[in-house]
Amino acid sequence: MRRSKGFKSGTRYKLKKDIRAKGKRPIAKMLAQFEEGTKVHIVIDPSVQKGMPFPRFHGKTGTVVEKRGRSYLVEVSENDAKKTVICAPAHLSPQESKQ
């Protein structure tokens, strides 16, 4: 039988939650609002399948370009290319500004 090459293949440890972080996420995380131009970190929550970005972008930092439906378009630089990732707010966290 051939090896499956699905969307989440090869992410056994990448998409695993810490033992104390298991369970439902706070509702505020799901309803978070981001303005255009905000810097955000893409941290995939494996318990939320809707709006999940491709696992290659887990841990990357990008800029919110626009809101599309309930999700956001995030521009991420990868090597020399700029990529646009569609991401639900459950998988985004704001970057703290150092002042």
N, C-alpha and C. Protein backbone atom coordinates (compact mmCIF):
# COMPACT_ATOMS: atom_id res chain seq x y z
N MET A 1 0.84 -1.19 0.00
CA MET A 1 0.00 0.00 0.00
C MET A 1 0.89 1.25 0.00
N ARG A 2 0.52 2.23 -0.83
CA ARG A 2 1.30 3.45 -0.92
C ARG A 2 1.13 4.33 0.29
N ARG A 3 2.15 5.11 0.56
CA ARG A 3 2.13 6.03 1.68
C ARG A 3 1.20 7.20 1.37
N SER A 4 0.37 7.56 2.34
CA SER A 4 -0.53 8.69 2.16
C SER A 4 0.26 9.99 2.23
N LYS A 5 -0.08 10.90 1.35
CA LYS A 5 0.58 12.20 1.34
C LYS A 5 -0.46 13.29 1.56
N GLY A 6 -1.25 13.12 2.60
CA GLY A 6 -2.33 14.06 2.88
C GLY A 6 -1.85 15.37 3.46
N PHE A 7 -2.80 16.21 3.81
CA PHE A 7 -2.54 17.57 4.29
C PHE A 7 -1.70 17.59 5.56
N LYS A 8 -1.96 16.66 6.47
CA LYS A 8 -1.25 16.65 7.75
C LYS A 8 -0.22 15.53 7.86
N SER A 9 0.26 15.01 6.73
CA SER A 9 1.23 13.92 6.78
C SER A 9 2.57 14.43 7.30
N GLY A 10 3.23 13.64 8.12
CA GLY A 10 4.54 13.99 8.66
C GLY A 10 4.51 15.01 9.77
N THR A 11 3.35 15.20 10.42
CA THR A 11 3.24 16.23 11.46
C THR A 11 2.90 15.62 12.82
N ARG A 12 3.33 14.40 13.05
CA ARG A 12 2.97 13.70 14.28
C ARG A 12 3.39 14.47 15.53
N TYR A 13 4.56 15.04 15.52
CA TYR A 13 5.05 15.76 16.69
C TYR A 13 4.84 17.26 16.57
N LYS A 14 4.81 17.77 15.36
CA LYS A 14 4.62 19.20 15.16
C LYS A 14 3.24 19.65 15.62
N LEU A 15 2.21 18.84 15.35
CA LEU A 15 0.84 19.22 15.69
C LEU A 15 0.35 18.52 16.95
N LYS A 16 1.25 18.28 17.89
CA LYS A 16 0.87 17.63 19.14
C LYS A 16 0.82 18.67 20.25
N LYS A 17 -0.23 18.64 21.05
CA LYS A 17 -0.35 19.58 22.16
C LYS A 17 0.42 19.09 23.37
N ASP A 18 0.83 20.02 24.20
CA ASP A 18 1.43 19.70 25.48
C ASP A 18 0.34 19.08 26.36
N ILE A 19 0.71 18.20 27.26
CA ILE A 19 -0.26 17.46 28.06
C ILE A 19 -1.16 18.40 28.88
N ARG A 20 -0.63 19.54 29.32
CA ARG A 20 -1.42 20.48 30.13
C ARG A 20 -2.22 21.45 29.27
N ALA A 21 -1.96 21.48 27.98
CA ALA A 21 -2.65 22.41 27.09
C ALA A 21 -3.82 21.74 26.38
N LYS A 22 -4.07 20.46 26.64
CA LYS A 22 -5.14 19.75 25.95
C LYS A 22 -6.50 20.26 26.38
N GLY A 23 -7.47 20.09 25.52
CA GLY A 23 -8.83 20.53 25.82
C GLY A 23 -9.22 21.70 24.95
N LYS A 24 -10.31 22.34 25.29
CA LYS A 24 -10.84 23.44 24.49
C LYS A 24 -10.01 24.70 24.70
N ARG A 25 -9.96 25.50 23.66
CA ARG A 25 -9.27 26.79 23.74
C ARG A 25 -10.23 27.83 24.28
N PRO A 26 -9.72 28.91 24.83
CA PRO A 26 -10.59 29.99 25.28
C PRO A 26 -11.35 30.61 24.11
N ILE A 27 -12.58 31.01 24.34
CA ILE A 27 -13.41 31.56 23.28
C ILE A 27 -12.83 32.88 22.78
N ALA A 28 -12.11 33.60 23.61
CA ALA A 28 -11.50 34.86 23.20
C ALA A 28 -10.46 34.64 22.10
N LYS A 29 -9.81 33.50 22.14
CA LYS A 29 -8.81 33.18 21.10
C LYS A 29 -9.49 32.97 19.75
N MET A 30 -10.68 32.36 19.77
CA MET A 30 -11.41 32.11 18.53
C MET A 30 -11.98 33.40 17.93
N LEU A 31 -12.32 34.36 18.78
CA LEU A 31 -12.97 35.58 18.33
C LEU A 31 -12.01 36.76 18.23
N ALA A 32 -10.72 36.51 18.26
CA ALA A 32 -9.73 37.59 18.23
C ALA A 32 -9.84 38.38 16.93
N GLN A 33 -9.64 39.68 17.03
CA GLN A 33 -9.68 40.57 15.87
C GLN A 33 -8.27 41.11 15.63
N PHE A 34 -7.87 41.19 14.37
CA PHE A 34 -6.56 41.71 14.00
C PHE A 34 -6.75 42.80 12.95
N GLU A 35 -6.02 43.89 13.10
CA GLU A 35 -6.05 44.97 12.13
C GLU A 35 -5.07 44.67 11.00
N GLU A 36 -5.28 45.31 9.86
CA GLU A 36 -4.34 45.15 8.76
C GLU A 36 -3.00 45.77 9.15
N GLY A 37 -1.92 45.09 8.82
CA GLY A 37 -0.59 45.56 9.15
C GLY A 37 -0.06 45.03 10.47
N THR A 38 -0.89 44.29 11.22
CA THR A 38 -0.47 43.73 12.50
C THR A 38 0.45 42.54 12.27
N LYS A 39 1.52 42.46 13.05
CA LYS A 39 2.43 41.31 12.98
C LYS A 39 1.84 40.19 13.85
N VAL A 40 1.75 38.98 13.29
CA VAL A 40 1.19 37.85 14.01
C VAL A 40 2.08 36.62 13.85
N HIS A 41 2.03 35.74 14.84
CA HIS A 41 2.70 34.45 14.77
C HIS A 41 1.67 33.41 14.35
N ILE A 42 2.06 32.50 13.47
CA ILE A 42 1.18 31.39 13.08
C ILE A 42 1.54 30.21 13.96
N VAL A 43 0.66 29.88 14.90
CA VAL A 43 0.83 28.75 15.80
C VAL A 43 -0.40 27.88 15.65
N ILE A 44 -0.25 26.74 14.97
CA ILE A 44 -1.40 25.90 14.64
C ILE A 44 -1.95 25.23 15.89
N ASP A 45 -3.27 25.34 16.07
CA ASP A 45 -3.97 24.64 17.15
C ASP A 45 -4.56 23.37 16.54
N PRO A 46 -4.04 22.19 16.89
CA PRO A 46 -4.50 20.96 16.24
C PRO A 46 -5.93 20.58 16.57
N SER A 47 -6.52 21.18 17.63
CA SER A 47 -7.90 20.83 17.96
C SER A 47 -8.90 21.58 17.10
N VAL A 48 -8.44 22.56 16.30
CA VAL A 48 -9.32 23.31 15.41
C VAL A 48 -8.88 23.02 13.99
N GLN A 49 -9.74 22.30 13.23
CA GLN A 49 -9.36 21.92 11.87
C GLN A 49 -9.73 22.99 10.85
N LYS A 50 -10.78 23.76 11.13
CA LYS A 50 -11.21 24.78 10.17
C LYS A 50 -10.23 25.94 10.15
N GLY A 51 -9.86 26.36 8.97
CA GLY A 51 -8.98 27.51 8.82
C GLY A 51 -7.54 27.21 9.16
N MET A 52 -7.17 25.92 9.17
CA MET A 52 -5.81 25.53 9.53
C MET A 52 -4.88 25.79 8.33
N PRO A 53 -3.79 26.54 8.54
CA PRO A 53 -2.84 26.75 7.45
C PRO A 53 -2.00 25.50 7.21
N PHE A 54 -1.30 25.46 6.10
CA PHE A 54 -0.44 24.32 5.81
C PHE A 54 0.64 24.24 6.88
N PRO A 55 0.96 23.03 7.38
CA PRO A 55 1.88 22.90 8.51
C PRO A 55 3.28 23.46 8.27
N ARG A 56 3.67 23.71 7.03
CA ARG A 56 4.97 24.32 6.74
C ARG A 56 5.09 25.69 7.38
N PHE A 57 3.95 26.38 7.58
CA PHE A 57 3.98 27.74 8.09
C PHE A 57 3.86 27.81 9.61
N HIS A 58 3.83 26.67 10.29
CA HIS A 58 3.75 26.63 11.75
C HIS A 58 5.01 27.26 12.35
N GLY A 59 4.83 28.27 13.20
CA GLY A 59 5.96 28.94 13.84
C GLY A 59 6.47 30.15 13.09
N LYS A 60 5.91 30.46 11.93
CA LYS A 60 6.36 31.61 11.15
C LYS A 60 5.65 32.87 11.62
N THR A 61 6.27 34.01 11.35
CA THR A 61 5.70 35.31 11.67
C THR A 61 5.39 36.05 10.39
N GLY A 62 4.23 36.67 10.32
CA GLY A 62 3.84 37.40 9.13
C GLY A 62 3.02 38.63 9.45
N THR A 63 2.56 39.28 8.41
CA THR A 63 1.78 40.50 8.53
C THR A 63 0.37 40.26 7.99
N VAL A 64 -0.64 40.73 8.73
CA VAL A 64 -2.02 40.59 8.28
C VAL A 64 -2.23 41.55 7.11
N VAL A 65 -2.69 41.00 5.98
CA VAL A 65 -2.91 41.79 4.78
C VAL A 65 -4.37 42.22 4.69
N GLU A 66 -5.29 41.28 4.90
CA GLU A 66 -6.71 41.61 4.85
C GLU A 66 -7.52 40.54 5.56
N LYS A 67 -8.78 40.87 5.82
CA LYS A 67 -9.70 39.91 6.41
C LYS A 67 -10.55 39.33 5.29
N ARG A 68 -10.71 38.01 5.30
CA ARG A 68 -11.50 37.35 4.26
C ARG A 68 -12.47 36.42 4.97
N GLY A 69 -13.74 36.81 5.04
CA GLY A 69 -14.72 36.02 5.78
C GLY A 69 -14.40 36.08 7.26
N ARG A 70 -14.26 34.91 7.89
CA ARG A 70 -13.87 34.91 9.30
C ARG A 70 -12.37 34.68 9.47
N SER A 71 -11.67 34.51 8.36
CA SER A 71 -10.23 34.26 8.39
C SER A 71 -9.45 35.49 7.96
N TYR A 72 -8.12 35.37 8.02
CA TYR A 72 -7.23 36.47 7.66
C TYR A 72 -6.22 36.00 6.63
N LEU A 73 -5.81 36.91 5.76
CA LEU A 73 -4.72 36.66 4.84
C LEU A 73 -3.45 37.19 5.50
N VAL A 74 -2.47 36.31 5.67
CA VAL A 74 -1.22 36.66 6.32
C VAL A 74 -0.10 36.49 5.30
N GLU A 75 0.71 37.54 5.14
CA GLU A 75 1.84 37.48 4.21
C GLU A 75 3.09 37.06 4.98
N VAL A 76 3.68 35.95 4.54
CA VAL A 76 4.86 35.37 5.20
C VAL A 76 5.99 35.34 4.20
N SER A 77 7.19 35.69 4.63
CA SER A 77 8.33 35.57 3.73
C SER A 77 9.01 34.23 3.97
N GLU A 78 9.24 33.51 2.87
CA GLU A 78 9.89 32.20 2.94
C GLU A 78 11.02 32.22 1.93
N ASN A 79 12.25 32.18 2.43
CA ASN A 79 13.45 32.39 1.62
C ASN A 79 13.36 33.79 0.99
N ASP A 80 13.30 33.89 -0.32
CA ASP A 80 13.18 35.20 -0.96
C ASP A 80 11.77 35.49 -1.44
N ALA A 81 10.87 34.54 -1.28
CA ALA A 81 9.50 34.69 -1.79
C ALA A 81 8.55 35.16 -0.70
N LYS A 82 7.53 35.89 -1.11
CA LYS A 82 6.45 36.28 -0.21
C LYS A 82 5.28 35.36 -0.48
N LYS A 83 4.78 34.70 0.57
CA LYS A 83 3.65 33.79 0.43
C LYS A 83 2.46 34.35 1.20
N THR A 84 1.26 34.11 0.69
CA THR A 84 0.04 34.54 1.36
C THR A 84 -0.66 33.30 1.90
N VAL A 85 -0.93 33.31 3.20
CA VAL A 85 -1.52 32.17 3.89
C VAL A 85 -2.89 32.58 4.41
N ILE A 86 -3.91 31.73 4.18
CA ILE A 86 -5.24 31.97 4.73
C ILE A 86 -5.31 31.24 6.07
N CYS A 87 -5.65 31.99 7.12
CA CYS A 87 -5.54 31.46 8.47
C CYS A 87 -6.71 31.94 9.33
N ALA A 88 -7.31 31.03 10.09
CA ALA A 88 -8.36 31.40 11.04
C ALA A 88 -7.70 32.02 12.28
N PRO A 89 -8.43 32.87 13.01
CA PRO A 89 -7.84 33.53 14.19
C PRO A 89 -7.43 32.56 15.29
N ALA A 90 -7.97 31.35 15.31
CA ALA A 90 -7.57 30.37 16.32
C ALA A 90 -6.11 29.96 16.17
N HIS A 91 -5.55 30.14 14.97
CA HIS A 91 -4.18 29.72 14.69
C HIS A 91 -3.22 30.90 14.66
N LEU A 92 -3.69 32.07 15.09
CA LEU A 92 -2.86 33.28 15.10
C LEU A 92 -2.71 33.82 16.51
N SER A 93 -1.55 34.37 16.80
CA SER A 93 -1.35 35.07 18.06
C SER A 93 -0.58 36.34 17.77
N PRO A 94 -0.95 37.46 18.42
CA PRO A 94 -0.28 38.74 18.13
C PRO A 94 1.16 38.73 18.63
N GLN A 95 2.00 39.44 17.90
CA GLN A 95 3.40 39.58 18.31
C GLN A 95 3.48 40.74 19.29
N GLU A 96 4.13 40.50 20.42
CA GLU A 96 4.26 41.54 21.41
C GLU A 96 5.29 42.56 20.92
N SER A 97 4.96 43.82 21.02
CA SER A 97 5.89 44.87 20.58
C SER A 97 6.81 45.23 21.74
N LYS A 98 8.10 45.41 21.42
CA LYS A 98 9.09 45.79 22.44
C LYS A 98 9.24 47.30 22.42
N GLN A 99 8.89 47.92 23.56
CA GLN A 99 8.99 49.39 23.63
C GLN A 99 9.70 49.79 24.88
